[in-house]
Structures are given as structure tokens and as C-alpha cells.
């Protein structure tokens, strides 16, 4: 995906969120660190531009909720969870860049539960690459990019990487 495709996907996701949820004022957007946070900010801005309603925005750091964090990180990089509003009774939309095995989403739900009880949790992702290990499905998807063993998806965003792009990368043997 090039810059224009990324922008169109984010805009489409924003419109779909508005269409599927009647009361925008009872919604909250929560980005999953790292690239879910800038995606959530962009979606918040687009929804505001369309509806005139500013939605609560937060971020989740799931480092210690991952079932594999001890294996993945020698010294975990803690980014911190930032939810300064109540999620009780709200429709929470979790936002991430890539949906793969579902383990990040499971960890996010664990972390989210410590902040209250949302009326509903929905999932928005820029890319769904398949290969789920858990029964998790996104509600809003920018693009489905089926992958094979030995491939992965790299998402670059201008906020973190100075450009918007999604690439399918073949692992080198």
C-alpha cells in the first residue's frame, strides 16, 4: 500500500466506525502501542471533521500482558497506558496496525479490563494478514493481505517512520 492507499483505508475505517455506532459521544478510541496510537489519532481527527464530535482517545501498553513477553524482550520498552477517562458503558474501539495471531488483541483486552467495563469492544486494524491462533476477528479492516509462511507485513506511518506505506516482506533464509 502506498501513502494514498493508507490514507484511503484510514478514512474508510473512520466512516465505517461512524456508520456502525449510533452515539459517537459514547465511543472511545484506544490505540495499541506502537503504531495503533497514531492510527487512533488520525481516526479521531477524521471522525471529528465528519461529525463535529471529539471522541475520547487513549493508548494501551500491553508489554506485561503478552503471553510471550519474557521470550521477546530482554529489557521491555514500557510506553505506558494512557486512559484518562472512564470506559464504563462506552463502545471502545481498539486500534492496531496489523492483526496476525490475535495475541496482541487478547493482551489488549486483558489490559483494558483493568480500566472498567465497556459496553462493547470493537477492533479496527489497518491490515489483517490472517493466520489467527485465537478466535479474534476485526470489525474494521483497511486491507486484507494474505501471507504465507516466511512472509511478514511492515507498516510504516509518517508519525513513527516519516512515511506511510505497507509492505509485504519475504523473510530471508
Protein backbone atom coordinates (compact mmCIF):
# COMPACT_ATOMS: atom_id res chain seq x y z
CA UNK A 1 0.00 0.00 0.00
CA UNK A 2 1.31 3.44 -0.84
CA UNK A 3 0.59 6.68 1.01
CA UNK A 4 -2.69 7.28 -0.81
CA UNK A 5 -3.94 3.73 -0.16
CA UNK A 6 -3.10 4.05 3.55
CA UNK A 7 -4.95 7.39 3.77
CA UNK A 8 -7.99 6.00 1.95
CA UNK A 9 -8.10 2.95 4.21
CA UNK A 10 -7.96 5.08 7.36
CA UNK A 11 -10.71 7.35 6.00
CA UNK A 12 -12.88 4.35 5.11
CA UNK A 13 -12.38 2.82 8.57
CA UNK A 14 -13.40 6.15 10.13
CA UNK A 15 -16.61 6.29 8.07
CA UNK A 16 -17.42 2.66 8.93
CA UNK A 17 -16.97 3.36 12.66
CA UNK A 18 -19.45 6.25 12.42
CA UNK A 19 -21.93 4.16 10.41
CA UNK A 20 -21.82 1.21 12.81
CA UNK A 21 -22.08 3.23 16.03
CA UNK A 22 -25.09 5.45 16.61
CA UNK A 23 -23.89 7.53 19.55
CA UNK A 24 -20.44 8.91 18.77
CA UNK A 25 -20.28 10.67 22.14
CA UNK A 26 -20.36 7.27 23.89
CA UNK A 27 -17.35 5.95 21.98
CA UNK A 28 -13.67 5.88 22.86
CA UNK A 29 -10.71 5.16 20.59
CA UNK A 30 -7.77 3.33 22.14
CA UNK A 31 -4.61 2.77 20.14
CA UNK A 32 -2.31 -0.13 20.90
CA UNK A 33 1.36 0.92 21.10
CA UNK A 34 3.23 1.45 18.86
CA UNK A 35 1.55 2.17 15.53
CA UNK A 36 -2.04 1.82 16.74
CA UNK A 37 -1.67 5.11 18.63
CA UNK A 38 -1.03 7.36 15.59
CA UNK A 39 -3.73 5.48 13.68
CA UNK A 40 -6.18 6.20 16.52
CA UNK A 41 -5.23 9.90 16.43
CA UNK A 42 -5.87 10.05 12.69
CA UNK A 43 -9.22 8.28 13.04
CA UNK A 44 -10.21 10.64 15.86
CA UNK A 45 -9.42 13.66 13.65
CA UNK A 46 -11.34 12.29 10.65
CA UNK A 47 -14.39 11.47 12.79
CA UNK A 48 -14.24 14.98 14.25
CA UNK A 49 -14.01 16.50 10.75
CA UNK A 50 -17.04 14.47 9.62
CA UNK A 51 -19.26 14.70 12.71
CA UNK A 52 -18.01 17.65 14.76
CA UNK A 53 -17.76 15.33 17.79
CA UNK A 54 -14.46 14.82 19.57
CA UNK A 55 -14.09 11.24 20.76
CA UNK A 56 -12.06 10.26 23.82
CA UNK A 57 -8.63 8.98 22.84
CA UNK A 58 -6.32 6.72 24.82
CA UNK A 59 -3.44 4.32 24.39
CA UNK A 60 -2.56 0.87 25.70
CA UNK A 61 0.82 -0.59 26.55
CA UNK A 62 0.38 -4.36 26.62
CA UNK A 63 4.00 -5.30 27.32
CA UNK A 64 3.30 -7.22 30.53
CA UNK A 65 0.02 -8.72 29.32
CA UNK A 66 1.59 -10.56 26.40
CA UNK A 67 1.94 -14.29 26.93
CA UNK A 68 5.37 -14.20 25.28
CA UNK A 69 6.91 -11.01 26.65
CA UNK A 70 9.63 -12.83 28.55
CA UNK A 71 10.73 -14.57 25.35
CA UNK A 72 10.52 -11.49 23.10
CA UNK A 73 12.15 -8.78 25.17
CA UNK A 74 15.29 -8.86 27.27
CA UNK A 75 14.60 -5.35 28.58
CA UNK A 76 10.97 -4.44 27.85
CA UNK A 77 10.34 -0.97 26.48
CA UNK A 78 7.48 0.43 28.53
CA UNK A 79 5.45 3.09 26.74
CA UNK A 80 2.69 3.39 29.32
CA UNK A 81 -1.05 3.13 29.12
CA UNK A 82 -2.85 6.45 28.91
CA UNK A 83 -6.58 6.26 29.55
CA UNK A 84 -7.74 9.37 31.41
CA UNK A 85 -11.49 8.77 31.07
CA UNK A 86 -13.89 6.08 32.17
CA UNK A 87 -14.61 3.30 29.70
CA UNK A 88 -17.60 2.06 31.71
CA UNK A 89 -20.59 1.77 29.40
CA UNK A 90 -18.70 3.09 26.38
CA UNK A 91 -18.13 1.49 22.99
CA UNK A 92 -14.35 1.10 22.90
CA UNK A 93 -12.65 0.74 19.56
CA UNK A 94 -9.20 -0.84 19.88
CA UNK A 95 -6.93 0.22 17.04
CA UNK A 96 -3.80 -1.53 15.80
CA UNK A 97 -1.74 -1.62 12.62
CA UNK A 98 -1.64 -5.38 11.88
CA UNK A 99 -3.84 -8.26 13.02
CA UNK A 100 -1.97 -11.55 12.87
CA UNK A 101 -2.25 -14.28 15.52
CA UNK A 102 -4.68 -12.38 17.75
CA UNK A 103 -2.37 -12.46 20.78
CA UNK A 104 -1.86 -8.69 20.83
CA UNK A 105 -5.62 -8.18 20.87
CA UNK A 106 -6.04 -10.74 23.66
CA UNK A 107 -3.39 -8.92 25.70
CA UNK A 108 -5.11 -5.60 24.97
CA UNK A 109 -8.42 -6.91 26.26
CA UNK A 110 -6.69 -8.05 29.46
CA UNK A 111 -5.18 -4.58 29.97
CA UNK A 112 -8.43 -2.83 29.03
CA UNK A 113 -10.40 -4.78 31.64
CA UNK A 114 -8.38 -3.16 34.41
CA UNK A 115 -9.90 0.21 33.41
CA UNK A 116 -13.56 -0.75 33.65
CA UNK A 117 -16.30 -2.47 31.74
CA UNK A 118 -17.02 -1.23 28.25
CA UNK A 119 -20.48 -1.85 26.82
CA UNK A 120 -18.83 -3.16 23.66
CA UNK A 121 -15.29 -3.53 22.32
CA UNK A 122 -14.66 -3.35 18.59
CA UNK A 123 -11.40 -3.83 16.72
CA UNK A 124 -10.05 -1.70 13.86
CA UNK A 125 -6.85 -2.68 12.03
CA UNK A 126 -5.10 -1.23 9.04
CA UNK A 127 -4.02 -4.71 7.82
CA UNK A 128 -5.36 -8.19 8.50
CA UNK A 129 -2.77 -10.75 7.41
CA UNK A 130 -4.58 -13.87 8.60
CA UNK A 131 -3.09 -16.85 10.49
CA UNK A 132 -5.11 -16.46 13.69
CA UNK A 133 -4.15 -18.56 16.71
CA UNK A 134 -7.07 -17.22 18.76
CA UNK A 135 -10.73 -16.72 17.82
CA UNK A 136 -10.42 -12.97 17.18
CA UNK A 137 -11.83 -11.05 14.22
CA UNK A 138 -11.55 -7.36 13.33
CA UNK A 139 -14.70 -5.27 12.94
CA UNK A 140 -13.00 -2.71 10.69
CA UNK A 141 -10.21 -3.63 8.26
CA UNK A 142 -8.28 -1.34 5.95
CA UNK A 143 -6.91 -4.15 3.78
CA UNK A 144 -6.66 -7.92 3.90
CA UNK A 145 -3.17 -9.03 2.91
CA UNK A 146 -2.95 -12.84 2.98
CA UNK A 147 0.53 -14.02 3.88
CA UNK A 148 2.41 -17.28 3.63
CA UNK A 149 4.94 -18.82 5.96
CA UNK A 150 8.14 -16.80 5.72
CA UNK A 151 6.37 -13.51 4.98
CA UNK A 152 5.50 -10.61 7.23
CA UNK A 153 3.84 -7.23 6.90
CA UNK A 154 5.68 -3.99 7.68
CA UNK A 155 3.58 -0.90 8.34
CA UNK A 156 5.29 2.46 8.16
CA UNK A 157 3.50 5.60 9.35
CA UNK A 158 4.65 9.16 8.94
CA UNK A 159 4.38 9.75 12.71
CA UNK A 160 6.82 6.94 13.53
CA UNK A 161 8.68 6.26 10.28
CA UNK A 162 8.43 9.53 8.26
CA UNK A 163 6.24 7.95 5.54
CA UNK A 164 3.03 5.98 5.07
CA UNK A 165 3.48 2.59 3.45
CA UNK A 166 2.60 -1.07 3.91
CA UNK A 167 4.98 -3.69 2.56
CA UNK A 168 4.87 -7.47 2.31
CA UNK A 169 8.35 -8.74 3.15
CA UNK A 170 9.70 -12.22 2.46
CA UNK A 171 11.97 -13.43 5.25
CA UNK A 172 15.45 -14.35 4.13
CA UNK A 173 16.53 -17.91 4.87
